C-alpha cells in the first residue's frame, strides 16, 4: 500500500491507532510538512481545535462499525498555524492485520 500512496497525486493517508501510518507527499505538503515528519504522529496534531471533538467522534465511531458520514467538510491545521478548509472522504480498511481508516482529503473548489 505504501507504494500505491507514494505514486498517487491525491492527498491521502492511512490512520491507525490514531496515528498517521502512511501519507502521500501531496497531503504532507498541504499540511506544510514532509512525509517523514508526519509519519507515526498523532492525527489530532493536524486537526483544527474547533473540529477536534467531532472528528475524534467520527474516527472512534467508524472503528466501532457505527454509521458515520463518509464525506464531510472540516478544517485542518497547517504547520504555520493557518486553517485549511477541506473535504474528507474516509472509510475503514484493514492495514497490517488491524482496522485503519483510509482518508482522502480534497480542497474545495475556489471561486474564480
PDB file of N, CA and C in Angstrom:
ATOM      1  N   UNK A   1       0.821  -1.187   0.000  1.00  0.00           N
ATOM      2  CA  UNK A   1       0.000   0.000   0.000  1.00  0.00           C
ATOM      3  C   UNK A   1       0.873   1.263   0.000  1.00  0.00           C
ATOM      4  N   UNK A   2       2.039   1.199   0.639  1.00  0.00           N
ATOM      5  CA  UNK A   2       2.923   2.354   0.680  1.00  0.00           C
ATOM      6  C   UNK A   2       3.283   2.813  -0.726  1.00  0.00           C
ATOM      7  N   UNK A   3       3.624   1.879  -1.610  1.00  0.00           N
ATOM      8  CA  UNK A   3       3.978   2.226  -2.983  1.00  0.00           C
ATOM      9  C   UNK A   3       2.833   2.887  -3.713  1.00  0.00           C
ATOM     10  N   UNK A   4       1.632   2.393  -3.488  1.00  0.00           N
ATOM     11  CA  UNK A   4       0.447   2.964  -4.120  1.00  0.00           C
ATOM     12  C   UNK A   4       0.244   4.411  -3.666  1.00  0.00           C
ATOM     13  N   UNK A   5       0.364   4.656  -2.380  1.00  0.00           N
ATOM     14  CA  UNK A   5       0.181   6.018  -1.876  1.00  0.00           C
ATOM     15  C   UNK A   5       1.275   6.952  -2.369  1.00  0.00           C
ATOM     16  N   UNK A   6       2.489   6.452  -2.470  1.00  0.00           N
ATOM     17  CA  UNK A   6       3.585   7.306  -2.934  1.00  0.00           C
ATOM     18  C   UNK A   6       3.412   7.704  -4.393  1.00  0.00           C
ATOM     19  N   UNK A   7       2.724   6.883  -5.179  1.00  0.00           N
ATOM     20  CA  UNK A   7       2.551   7.147  -6.606  1.00  0.00           C
ATOM     21  C   UNK A   7       1.341   8.030  -6.915  1.00  0.00           C
ATOM     22  N   UNK A   8       0.379   8.086  -6.023  1.00  0.00           N
ATOM     23  CA  UNK A   8      -0.841   8.831  -6.312  1.00  0.00           C
ATOM     24  C   UNK A   8      -0.616  10.337  -6.184  1.00  0.00           C
ATOM     25  N   UNK A   9      -1.378  11.089  -6.926  1.00  0.00           N
ATOM     26  CA  UNK A   9      -1.334  12.548  -6.853  1.00  0.00           C
ATOM     27  C   UNK A   9      -2.350  13.077  -5.838  1.00  0.00           C
ATOM     28  N   UNK A  10      -3.128  12.186  -5.261  1.00  0.00           N
ATOM     29  CA  UNK A  10      -4.165  12.592  -4.319  1.00  0.00           C
ATOM     30  C   UNK A  10      -3.553  12.933  -2.960  1.00  0.00           C
ATOM     31  N   UNK A  11      -4.330  13.649  -2.172  1.00  0.00           N
ATOM     32  CA  UNK A  11      -3.990  13.912  -0.777  1.00  0.00           C
ATOM     33  C   UNK A  11      -4.625  12.796   0.034  1.00  0.00           C
ATOM     34  N   UNK A  12      -3.822  11.861   0.524  1.00  0.00           N
ATOM     35  CA  UNK A  12      -4.397  10.716   1.217  1.00  0.00           C
ATOM     36  C   UNK A  12      -3.473  10.241   2.329  1.00  0.00           C
ATOM     37  N   UNK A  13      -4.086   9.528   3.282  1.00  0.00           N
ATOM     38  CA  UNK A  13      -3.302   8.933   4.361  1.00  0.00           C
ATOM     39  C   UNK A  13      -4.041   7.731   4.933  1.00  0.00           C
ATOM     40  N   UNK A  14      -3.313   6.933   5.691  1.00  0.00           N
ATOM     41  CA  UNK A  14      -3.874   5.819   6.447  1.00  0.00           C
ATOM     42  C   UNK A  14      -3.646   6.136   7.917  1.00  0.00           C
ATOM     43  N   UNK A  15      -4.736   6.086   8.694  1.00  0.00           N
ATOM     44  CA  UNK A  15      -4.670   6.369  10.123  1.00  0.00           C
ATOM     45  C   UNK A  15      -5.003   5.088  10.877  1.00  0.00           C
ATOM     46  N   UNK A  16      -4.106   4.722  11.784  1.00  0.00           N
ATOM     47  CA  UNK A  16      -4.319   3.527  12.602  1.00  0.00           C
ATOM     48  C   UNK A  16      -3.834   3.838  14.016  1.00  0.00           C
ATOM     49  N   UNK A  17      -4.608   3.440  15.002  1.00  0.00           N
ATOM     50  CA  UNK A  17      -4.280   3.728  16.402  1.00  0.00           C
ATOM     51  C   UNK A  17      -4.105   5.234  16.617  1.00  0.00           C
ATOM     52  N   UNK A  18      -4.924   6.023  15.906  1.00  0.00           N
ATOM     53  CA  UNK A  18      -4.935   7.492  15.978  1.00  0.00           C
ATOM     54  C   UNK A  18      -3.648   8.127  15.472  1.00  0.00           C
ATOM     55  N   UNK A  19      -2.815   7.348  14.792  1.00  0.00           N
ATOM     56  CA  UNK A  19      -1.567   7.870  14.239  1.00  0.00           C
ATOM     57  C   UNK A  19      -1.568   7.743  12.720  1.00  0.00           C
ATOM     58  N   UNK A  20      -0.898   8.666  12.065  1.00  0.00           N
ATOM     59  CA  UNK A  20      -0.761   8.611  10.615  1.00  0.00           C
ATOM     60  C   UNK A  20       0.324   7.604  10.282  1.00  0.00           C
ATOM     61  N   UNK A  21      -0.078   6.490   9.669  1.00  0.00           N
ATOM     62  CA  UNK A  21       0.858   5.400   9.362  1.00  0.00           C
ATOM     63  C   UNK A  21       1.440   5.516   7.958  1.00  0.00           C
ATOM     64  N   UNK A  22       0.651   6.051   7.023  1.00  0.00           N
ATOM     65  CA  UNK A  22       1.098   6.306   5.651  1.00  0.00           C
ATOM     66  C   UNK A  22       0.518   7.639   5.227  1.00  0.00           C
ATOM     67  N   UNK A  23       1.260   8.372   4.386  1.00  0.00           N
ATOM     68  CA  UNK A  23       0.767   9.656   3.900  1.00  0.00           C
ATOM     69  C   UNK A  23       1.368   9.937   2.531  1.00  0.00           C
ATOM     70  N   UNK A  24       0.572  10.518   1.650  1.00  0.00           N
ATOM     71  CA  UNK A  24       1.100  10.897   0.345  1.00  0.00           C
ATOM     72  C   UNK A  24       1.932  12.171   0.497  1.00  0.00           C
ATOM     73  N   UNK A  25       2.935  12.324  -0.348  1.00  0.00           N
ATOM     74  CA  UNK A  25       3.714  13.564  -0.308  1.00  0.00           C
ATOM     75  C   UNK A  25       2.842  14.804  -0.499  1.00  0.00           C
ATOM     76  N   UNK A  26       1.806  14.702  -1.334  1.00  0.00           N
ATOM     77  CA  UNK A  26       0.921  15.850  -1.571  1.00  0.00           C
ATOM     78  C   UNK A  26       0.188  16.279  -0.308  1.00  0.00           C
ATOM     79  N   UNK A  27      -0.310  15.319   0.469  1.00  0.00           N
ATOM     80  CA  UNK A  27      -1.013  15.671   1.694  1.00  0.00           C
ATOM     81  C   UNK A  27      -0.047  16.253   2.719  1.00  0.00           C
ATOM     82  N   UNK A  28       1.126  15.659   2.847  1.00  0.00           N
ATOM     83  CA  UNK A  28       2.122  16.213   3.774  1.00  0.00           C
ATOM     84  C   UNK A  28       2.440  17.652   3.398  1.00  0.00           C
ATOM     85  N   UNK A  29       2.598  17.903   2.098  1.00  0.00           N
ATOM     86  CA  UNK A  29       2.894  19.248   1.621  1.00  0.00           C
ATOM     87  C   UNK A  29       1.733  20.207   1.916  1.00  0.00           C
ATOM     88  N   UNK A  30       0.508  19.754   1.722  1.00  0.00           N
ATOM     89  CA  UNK A  30      -0.663  20.578   2.024  1.00  0.00           C
ATOM     90  C   UNK A  30      -0.649  21.024   3.487  1.00  0.00           C
ATOM     91  N   UNK A  31      -0.164  20.151   4.360  1.00  0.00           N
ATOM     92  CA  UNK A  31      -0.095  20.456   5.787  1.00  0.00           C
ATOM     93  C   UNK A  31       1.164  21.244   6.164  1.00  0.00           C
ATOM     94  N   UNK A  32       2.104  21.384   5.208  1.00  0.00           N
ATOM     95  CA  UNK A  32       3.323  22.144   5.465  1.00  0.00           C
ATOM     96  C   UNK A  32       4.493  21.321   5.955  1.00  0.00           C
ATOM     97  N   UNK A  33       4.421  20.017   5.772  1.00  0.00           N
ATOM     98  CA  UNK A  33       5.462  19.111   6.265  1.00  0.00           C
ATOM     99  C   UNK A  33       6.022  18.268   5.123  1.00  0.00           C
ATOM    100  N   UNK A  34       7.094  17.540   5.416  1.00  0.00           N
ATOM    101  CA  UNK A  34       7.491  16.470   4.517  1.00  0.00           C
ATOM    102  C   UNK A  34       6.947  15.184   5.132  1.00  0.00           C
ATOM    103  N   UNK A  35       6.767  14.138   4.336  1.00  0.00           N
ATOM    104  CA  UNK A  35       6.117  12.925   4.847  1.00  0.00           C
ATOM    105  C   UNK A  35       6.785  12.329   6.095  1.00  0.00           C
ATOM    106  N   UNK A  36       8.099  12.369   6.158  1.00  0.00           N
ATOM    107  CA  UNK A  36       8.805  11.772   7.292  1.00  0.00           C
ATOM    108  C   UNK A  36       8.461  12.462   8.611  1.00  0.00           C
ATOM    109  N   UNK A  37       8.157  13.759   8.556  1.00  0.00           N
ATOM    110  CA  UNK A  37       7.804  14.493   9.774  1.00  0.00           C
ATOM    111  C   UNK A  37       6.449  14.070  10.321  1.00  0.00           C
ATOM    112  N   UNK A  38       5.592  13.583   9.447  1.00  0.00           N
ATOM    113  CA  UNK A  38       4.214  13.283   9.822  1.00  0.00           C
ATOM    114  C   UNK A  38       4.025  11.823  10.228  1.00  0.00           C
ATOM    115  N   UNK A  39       4.794  10.926   9.660  1.00  0.00           N
ATOM    116  CA  UNK A  39       4.610   9.500   9.925  1.00  0.00           C
ATOM    117  C   UNK A  39       4.686   9.183  11.412  1.00  0.00           C
ATOM    118  N   UNK A  40       3.738   8.383  11.837  1.00  0.00           N
ATOM    119  CA  UNK A  40       3.639   7.905  13.219  1.00  0.00           C
ATOM    120  C   UNK A  40       3.388   9.003  14.240  1.00  0.00           C
ATOM    121  N   UNK A  41       2.857  10.142  13.789  1.00  0.00           N
ATOM    122  CA  UNK A  41       2.447  11.189  14.721  1.00  0.00           C
ATOM    123  C   UNK A  41       0.930  11.135  14.886  1.00  0.00           C
ATOM    124  N   UNK A  42       0.446  11.676  15.969  1.00  0.00           N
ATOM    125  CA  UNK A  42      -0.981  11.653  16.255  1.00  0.00           C
ATOM    126  C   UNK A  42      -1.758  12.530  15.278  1.00  0.00           C
ATOM    127  N   UNK A  43      -2.841  11.999  14.788  1.00  0.00           N
ATOM    128  CA  UNK A  43      -3.714  12.698  13.859  1.00  0.00           C
ATOM    129  C   UNK A  43      -4.204  14.025  14.436  1.00  0.00           C
ATOM    130  N   UNK A  44      -4.434  14.081  15.728  1.00  0.00           N
ATOM    131  CA  UNK A  44      -5.007  15.284  16.335  1.00  0.00           C
ATOM    132  C   UNK A  44      -4.126  16.523  16.152  1.00  0.00           C
ATOM    133  N   UNK A  45      -2.843  16.340  15.887  1.00  0.00           N
ATOM    134  CA  UNK A  45      -1.951  17.489  15.680  1.00  0.00           C
ATOM    135  C   UNK A  45      -2.297  18.275  14.419  1.00  0.00           C
ATOM    136  N   UNK A  46      -3.048  17.682  13.501  1.00  0.00           N
ATOM    137  CA  UNK A  46      -3.319  18.295  12.201  1.00  0.00           C
ATOM    138  C   UNK A  46      -4.778  18.720  12.045  1.00  0.00           C
ATOM    139  N   UNK A  47      -5.558  18.562  13.100  1.00  0.00           N
ATOM    140  CA  UNK A  47      -6.976  18.911  13.073  1.00  0.00           C
ATOM    141  C   UNK A  47      -7.179  20.245  13.787  1.00  0.00           C
ATOM    142  N   UNK A  48      -7.960  21.127  13.177  1.00  0.00           N
ATOM    143  CA  UNK A  48      -8.288  22.409  13.787  1.00  0.00           C
ATOM    144  C   UNK A  48      -8.982  22.147  15.131  1.00  0.00           C
ATOM    145  N   UNK A  49      -8.623  22.904  16.143  1.00  0.00           N
ATOM    146  CA  UNK A  49      -9.140  22.703  17.502  1.00  0.00           C
ATOM    147  C   UNK A  49     -10.666  22.692  17.559  1.00  0.00           C
ATOM    148  N   UNK A  50     -11.326  23.559  16.790  1.00  0.00           N
ATOM    149  CA  UNK A  50     -12.790  23.602  16.788  1.00  0.00           C
ATOM    150  C   UNK A  50     -13.412  22.327  16.237  1.00  0.00           C
ATOM    151  N   UNK A  51     -12.680  21.620  15.398  1.00  0.00           N
ATOM    152  CA  UNK A  51     -13.197  20.411  14.751  1.00  0.00           C
ATOM    153  C   UNK A  51     -12.802  19.131  15.485  1.00  0.00           C
ATOM    154  N   UNK A  52     -11.926  19.250  16.451  1.00  0.00           N
ATOM    155  CA  UNK A  52     -11.371  18.068  17.117  1.00  0.00           C
ATOM    156  C   UNK A  52     -12.432  17.148  17.737  1.00  0.00           C
ATOM    157  N   UNK A  53     -13.386  17.649  18.538  1.00  0.00           N
ATOM    158  CA  UNK A  53     -14.370  16.725  19.132  1.00  0.00           C
ATOM    159  C   UNK A  53     -15.161  15.940  18.086  1.00  0.00           C
ATOM    160  N   UNK A  54     -15.609  16.616  17.049  1.00  0.00           N
ATOM    161  CA  UNK A  54     -16.411  15.947  16.014  1.00  0.00           C
ATOM    162  C   UNK A  54     -15.588  14.898  15.282  1.00  0.00           C
ATOM    163  N   UNK A  55     -14.357  15.234  14.891  1.00  0.00           N
ATOM    164  CA  UNK A  55     -13.542  14.306  14.117  1.00  0.00           C
ATOM    165  C   UNK A  55     -13.061  13.121  14.945  1.00  0.00           C
ATOM    166  N   UNK A  56     -12.770  13.344  16.210  1.00  0.00           N
ATOM    167  CA  UNK A  56     -12.404  12.226  17.089  1.00  0.00           C
ATOM    168  C   UNK A  56     -13.593  11.287  17.240  1.00  0.00           C
ATOM    169  N   UNK A  57     -14.793  11.867  17.389  1.00  0.00           N
ATOM    170  CA  UNK A  57     -16.002  11.039  17.486  1.00  0.00           C
ATOM    171  C   UNK A  57     -16.209  10.225  16.209  1.00  0.00           C
ATOM    172  N   UNK A  58     -16.063  10.854  15.055  1.00  0.00           N
ATOM    173  CA  UNK A  58     -16.196  10.134  13.789  1.00  0.00           C
ATOM    174  C   UNK A  58     -15.174   8.993  13.707  1.00  0.00           C
ATOM    175  N   UNK A  59     -13.943   9.276  14.068  1.00  0.00           N
ATOM    176  CA  UNK A  59     -12.878   8.273  13.984  1.00  0.00           C
ATOM    177  C   UNK A  59     -13.201   7.072  14.878  1.00  0.00           C
ATOM    178  N   UNK A  60     -13.509   7.324  16.132  1.00  0.00           N
ATOM    179  CA  UNK A  60     -13.797   6.228  17.068  1.00  0.00           C
ATOM    180  C   UNK A  60     -15.061   5.473  16.672  1.00  0.00           C
ATOM    181  N   UNK A  61     -16.090   6.195  16.249  1.00  0.00           N
ATOM    182  CA  UNK A  61     -17.337   5.543  15.826  1.00  0.00           C
ATOM    183  C   UNK A  61     -17.113   4.680  14.592  1.00  0.00           C
ATOM    184  N   UNK A  62     -16.320   5.174  13.648  1.00  0.00           N
ATOM    185  CA  UNK A  62     -16.022   4.404  12.440  1.00  0.00           C
ATOM    186  C   UNK A  62     -15.326   3.091  12.809  1.00  0.00           C
ATOM    187  N   UNK A  63     -14.372   3.152  13.735  1.00  0.00           N
ATOM    188  CA  UNK A  63     -13.664   1.938  14.159  1.00  0.00           C
ATOM    189  C   UNK A  63     -14.602   0.949  14.854  1.00  0.00           C
ATOM    190  N   UNK A  64     -15.650   1.462  15.500  1.00  0.00           N
ATOM    191  CA  UNK A  64     -16.624   0.605  16.180  1.00  0.00           C
ATOM    192  C   UNK A  64     -17.681   0.050  15.223  1.00  0.00           C
ATOM    193  N   UNK A  65     -17.593   0.438  13.944  1.00  0.00           N
ATOM    194  CA  UNK A  65     -18.542  -0.053  12.957  1.00  0.00           C
ATOM    195  C   UNK A  65     -19.849   0.722  12.923  1.00  0.00           C
ATOM    196  N   UNK A  66     -19.895   1.854  13.593  1.00  0.00           N
ATOM    197  CA  UNK A  66     -21.106   2.665  13.606  1.00  0.00           C
ATOM    198  C   UNK A  66     -21.235   3.451  12.303  1.00  0.00           C
ATOM    199  N   UNK A  67     -22.450   3.907  12.052  1.00  0.00           N
ATOM    200  CA  UNK A  67     -22.734   4.675  10.843  1.00  0.00           C
ATOM    201  C   UNK A  67     -22.190   6.091  11.006  1.00  0.00           C
ATOM    202  N   UNK A  68     -21.210   6.431  10.187  1.00  0.00           N
ATOM    203  CA  UNK A  68     -20.556   7.742  10.229  1.00  0.00           C
ATOM    204  C   UNK A  68     -20.548   8.292   8.802  1.00  0.00           C
ATOM    205  N   UNK A  69     -20.778   9.602   8.644  1.00  0.00           N
ATOM    206  CA  UNK A  69     -20.728  10.151   7.279  1.00  0.00           C
ATOM    207  C   UNK A  69     -19.365   9.864   6.636  1.00  0.00           C
ATOM    208  N   UNK A  70     -19.350   9.300   5.435  1.00  0.00           N
ATOM    209  CA  UNK A  70     -18.068   9.031   4.779  1.00  0.00           C
ATOM    210  C   UNK A  70     -17.436  10.293   4.202  1.00  0.00           C
ATOM    211  N   UNK A  71     -18.267  11.302   3.899  1.00  0.00           N
ATOM    212  CA  UNK A  71     -17.768  12.549   3.308  1.00  0.00           C
ATOM    213  C   UNK A  71     -18.283  13.714   4.152  1.00  0.00           C
ATOM    214  N   UNK A  72     -17.371  14.615   4.500  1.00  0.00           N
ATOM    215  CA  UNK A  72     -17.754  15.784   5.289  1.00  0.00           C
ATOM    216  C   UNK A  72     -16.709  16.878   5.138  1.00  0.00           C
ATOM    217  N   UNK A  73     -17.124  18.107   5.396  1.00  0.00           N
ATOM    218  CA  UNK A  73     -16.218  19.259   5.354  1.00  0.00           C
ATOM    219  C   UNK A  73     -15.662  19.501   6.744  1.00  0.00           C
ATOM    220  N   UNK A  74     -14.415  19.944   6.803  1.00  0.00           N
ATOM    221  CA  UNK A  74     -13.778  20.229   8.077  1.00  0.00           C
ATOM    222  C   UNK A  74     -12.611  21.181   7.867  1.00  0.00           C
ATOM    223  N   UNK A  75     -11.879  21.455   8.930  1.00  0.00           N
ATOM    224  CA  UNK A  75     -10.684  22.292   8.849  1.00  0.00           C
ATOM    225  C   UNK A  75      -9.497  21.556   9.460  1.00  0.00           C
ATOM    226  N   UNK A  76      -8.394  21.624   8.754  1.00  0.00           N
ATOM    227  CA  UNK A  76      -7.141  21.094   9.264  1.00  0.00           C
ATOM    228  C   UNK A  76      -6.232  22.256   9.617  1.00  0.00           C
ATOM    229  N   UNK A  77      -5.083  21.941  10.216  1.00  0.00           N
ATOM    230  CA  UNK A  77      -4.113  22.963  10.607  1.00  0.00           C
ATOM    231  C   UNK A  77      -2.841  22.802   9.789  1.00  0.00           C
ATOM    232  N   UNK A  78      -2.375  23.882   9.227  1.00  0.00           N
ATOM    233  CA  UNK A  78      -1.085  23.918   8.538  1.00  0.00           C
ATOM    234  C   UNK A  78       0.010  24.045   9.600  1.00  0.00           C
ATOM    235  N   UNK A  79       1.191  23.648   9.250  1.00  0.00           N
ATOM    236  CA  UNK A  79       2.341  23.751  10.152  1.00  0.00           C
ATOM    237  C   UNK A  79       2.524  25.174  10.668  1.00  0.00           C
ATOM    238  N   UNK A  80       2.215  26.174   9.834  1.00  0.00           N
ATOM    239  CA  UNK A  80       2.369  27.574  10.238  1.00  0.00           C
ATOM    240  C   UNK A  80       1.195  28.079  11.081  1.00  0.00           C
ATOM    241  N   UNK A  81       0.226  27.194  11.368  1.00  0.00           N
ATOM    242  CA  UNK A  81      -0.914  27.556  12.198  1.00  0.00           C
ATOM    243  C   UNK A  81      -2.140  28.019  11.440  1.00  0.00           C
ATOM    244  N   UNK A  82      -2.022  28.217  10.140  1.00  0.00           N
ATOM    245  CA  UNK A  82      -3.173  28.676   9.361  1.00  0.00           C
ATOM    246  C   UNK A  82      -4.182  27.543   9.162  1.00  0.00           C
ATOM    247  N   UNK A  83      -5.426  27.946   8.888  1.00  0.00           N
ATOM    248  CA  UNK A  83      -6.520  26.991   8.671  1.00  0.00           C
ATOM    249  C   UNK A  83      -6.516  26.496   7.231  1.00  0.00           C
ATOM    250  N   UNK A  84      -6.883  25.233   7.062  1.00  0.00           N
ATOM    251  CA  UNK A  84      -7.016  24.641   5.735  1.00  0.00           C
ATOM    252  C   UNK A  84      -8.417  24.049   5.641  1.00  0.00           C
ATOM    253  N   UNK A  85      -9.281  24.661   4.836  1.00  0.00           N
ATOM    254  CA  UNK A  85     -10.620  24.122   4.618  1.00  0.00           C
ATOM    255  C   UNK A  85     -10.533  22.950   3.651  1.00  0.00           C
ATOM    256  N   UNK A  86     -11.122  21.818   4.047  1.00  0.00           N
ATOM    257  CA  UNK A  86     -11.039  20.608   3.230  1.00  0.00           C
ATOM    258  C   UNK A  86     -12.342  19.828   3.269  1.00  0.00           C
ATOM    259  N   UNK A  87     -12.425  18.880   2.349  1.00  0.00           N
ATOM    260  CA  UNK A  87     -13.479  17.873   2.371  1.00  0.00           C
ATOM    261  C   UNK A  87     -12.786  16.535   2.580  1.00  0.00           C
ATOM    262  N   UNK A  88     -13.303  15.772   3.521  1.00  0.00           N
ATOM    263  CA  UNK A  88     -12.737  14.469   3.871  1.00  0.00           C
ATOM    264  C   UNK A  88     -13.631  13.372   3.318  1.00  0.00           C
ATOM    265  N   UNK A  89     -13.007  12.345   2.767  1.00  0.00           N
ATOM    266  CA  UNK A  89     -13.702  11.125   2.375  1.00  0.00           C
ATOM    267  C   UNK A  89     -12.960  10.002   3.082  1.00  0.00           C
ATOM    268  N   UNK A  90     -13.615   9.348   4.037  1.00  0.00           N
ATOM    269  CA  UNK A  90     -12.931   8.368   4.884  1.00  0.00           C
ATOM    270  C   UNK A  90     -13.693   7.059   4.954  1.00  0.00           C
ATOM    271  N   UNK A  91     -12.943   5.980   5.059  1.00  0.00           N
ATOM    272  CA  UNK A  91     -13.552   4.667   5.183  1.00  0.00           C
ATOM    273  C   UNK A  91     -12.631   3.698   5.892  1.00  0.00           C
ATOM    274  N   UNK A  92     -13.218   2.686   6.458  1.00  0.00           N
ATOM    275  CA  UNK A  92     -12.496   1.679   7.211  1.00  0.00           C
ATOM    276  C   UNK A  92     -11.829   0.675   6.269  1.00  0.00           C
ATOM    277  N   UNK A  93     -10.565   0.350   6.550  1.00  0.00           N
ATOM    278  CA  UNK A  93      -9.823  -0.651   5.775  1.00  0.00           C
ATOM    279  C   UNK A  93      -8.994  -1.494   6.740  1.00  0.00           C
ATOM    280  N   UNK A  94      -8.575  -2.680   6.298  1.00  0.00           N
ATOM    281  CA  UNK A  94      -7.586  -3.412   7.094  1.00  0.00           C
ATOM    282  C   UNK A  94      -6.181  -2.918   6.709  1.00  0.00           C
ATOM    283  N   UNK A  95      -5.327  -2.784   7.684  1.00  0.00           N
ATOM    284  CA  UNK A  95      -3.937  -2.404   7.416  1.00  0.00           C
ATOM    285  C   UNK A  95      -3.058  -3.158   8.405  1.00  0.00           C
ATOM    286  N   UNK A  96      -2.162  -3.956   7.859  1.00  0.00           N
ATOM    287  CA  UNK A  96      -1.265  -4.777   8.676  1.00  0.00           C
ATOM    288  C   UNK A  96      -2.033  -5.610   9.705  1.00  0.00           C
ATOM    289  N   UNK A  97      -3.169  -6.145   9.252  1.00  0.00           N
ATOM    290  CA  UNK A  97      -3.944  -7.058  10.081  1.00  0.00           C
ATOM    291  C   UNK A  97      -4.866  -6.419  11.102  1.00  0.00           C
ATOM    292  N   UNK A  98      -4.941  -5.100  11.110  1.00  0.00           N
ATOM    293  CA  UNK A  98      -5.799  -4.408  12.068  1.00  0.00           C
ATOM    294  C   UNK A  98      -6.612  -3.325  11.360  1.00  0.00           C
ATOM    295  N   UNK A  99      -7.718  -2.880  11.991  1.00  0.00           N
ATOM    296  CA  UNK A  99      -8.531  -1.838  11.363  1.00  0.00           C
ATOM    297  C   UNK A  99      -7.775  -0.509  11.277  1.00  0.00           C
ATOM    298  N   UNK A 100      -8.030   0.190  10.199  1.00  0.00           N
ATOM    299  CA  UNK A 100      -7.441   1.512   9.982  1.00  0.00           C
ATOM    300  C   UNK A 100      -8.452   2.325   9.181  1.00  0.00           C
ATOM    301  N   UNK A 101      -8.192   3.615   9.069  1.00  0.00           N
ATOM    302  CA  UNK A 101      -9.064   4.493   8.290  1.00  0.00           C
ATOM    303  C   UNK A 101      -8.240   5.053   7.137  1.00  0.00           C
ATOM    304  N   UNK A 102      -8.776   4.860   5.935  1.00  0.00           N
ATOM    305  CA  UNK A 102      -8.165   5.440   4.735  1.00  0.00           C
ATOM    306  C   UNK A 102      -8.860   6.761   4.488  1.00  0.00           C
ATOM    307  N   UNK A 103      -8.079   7.832   4.363  1.00  0.00           N
ATOM    308  CA  UNK A 103      -8.619   9.186   4.254  1.00  0.00           C
ATOM    309  C   UNK A 103      -8.130   9.843   2.970  1.00  0.00           C
ATOM    310  N   UNK A 104      -9.065  10.390   2.208  1.00  0.00           N
ATOM    311  CA  UNK A 104      -8.729  11.222   1.050  1.00  0.00           C
ATOM    312  C   UNK A 104      -9.158  12.644   1.400  1.00  0.00           C
ATOM    313  N   UNK A 105      -8.257  13.595   1.192  1.00  0.00           N
ATOM    314  CA  UNK A 105      -8.506  14.986   1.532  1.00  0.00           C
ATOM    315  C   UNK A 105      -8.567  15.801   0.247  1.00  0.00           C
ATOM    316  N   UNK A 106      -9.667  16.533   0.074  1.00  0.00           N
ATOM    317  CA  UNK A 106      -9.822  17.384  -1.109  1.00  0.00           C
ATOM    318  C   UNK A 106      -9.943  18.840  -0.673  1.00  0.00           C
ATOM    319  N   UNK A 107      -9.322  19.710  -1.441  1.00  0.00           N
ATOM    320  CA  UNK A 107      -9.511  21.143  -1.257  1.00  0.00           C
ATOM    321  C   UNK A 107     -10.779  21.533  -1.989  1.00  0.00           C
ATOM    322  N   UNK A 108     -11.642  22.349  -1.374  1.00  0.00           N
ATOM    323  CA  UNK A 108     -12.845  22.792  -2.084  1.00  0.00           C
ATOM    324  C   UNK A 108     -12.456  23.640  -3.290  1.00  0.00           C
ATOM    325  N   UNK A 109     -13.300  23.598  -4.293  1.00  0.00           N
ATOM    326  CA  UNK A 109     -13.068  24.457  -5.467  1.00  0.00           C
ATOM    327  C   UNK A 109     -13.159  25.909  -5.041  1.00  0.00           C
ATOM    328  N   UNK A 110     -12.188  26.663  -5.464  1.00  0.00           N
ATOM    329  CA  UNK A 110     -12.164  28.095  -5.134  1.00  0.00           C
ATOM    330  C   UNK A 110     -12.848  28.873  -6.239  1.00  0.00           C
ATOM    331  N   UNK A 111     -13.654  29.879  -5.865  1.00  0.00           N
ATOM    332  CA  UNK A 111     -14.296  30.690  -6.894  1.00  0.00           C
ATOM    333  C   UNK A 111     -13.250  31.420  -7.748  1.00  0.00           C
ATOM    334  N   UNK A 112     -13.558  31.546  -9.032  1.00  0.00           N
ATOM    335  CA  UNK A 112     -12.610  32.208  -9.935  1.00  0.00           C
ATOM    336  C   UNK A 112     -12.973  33.637 -10.152  1.00  0.00           C
TER     337      UNK A 112
END
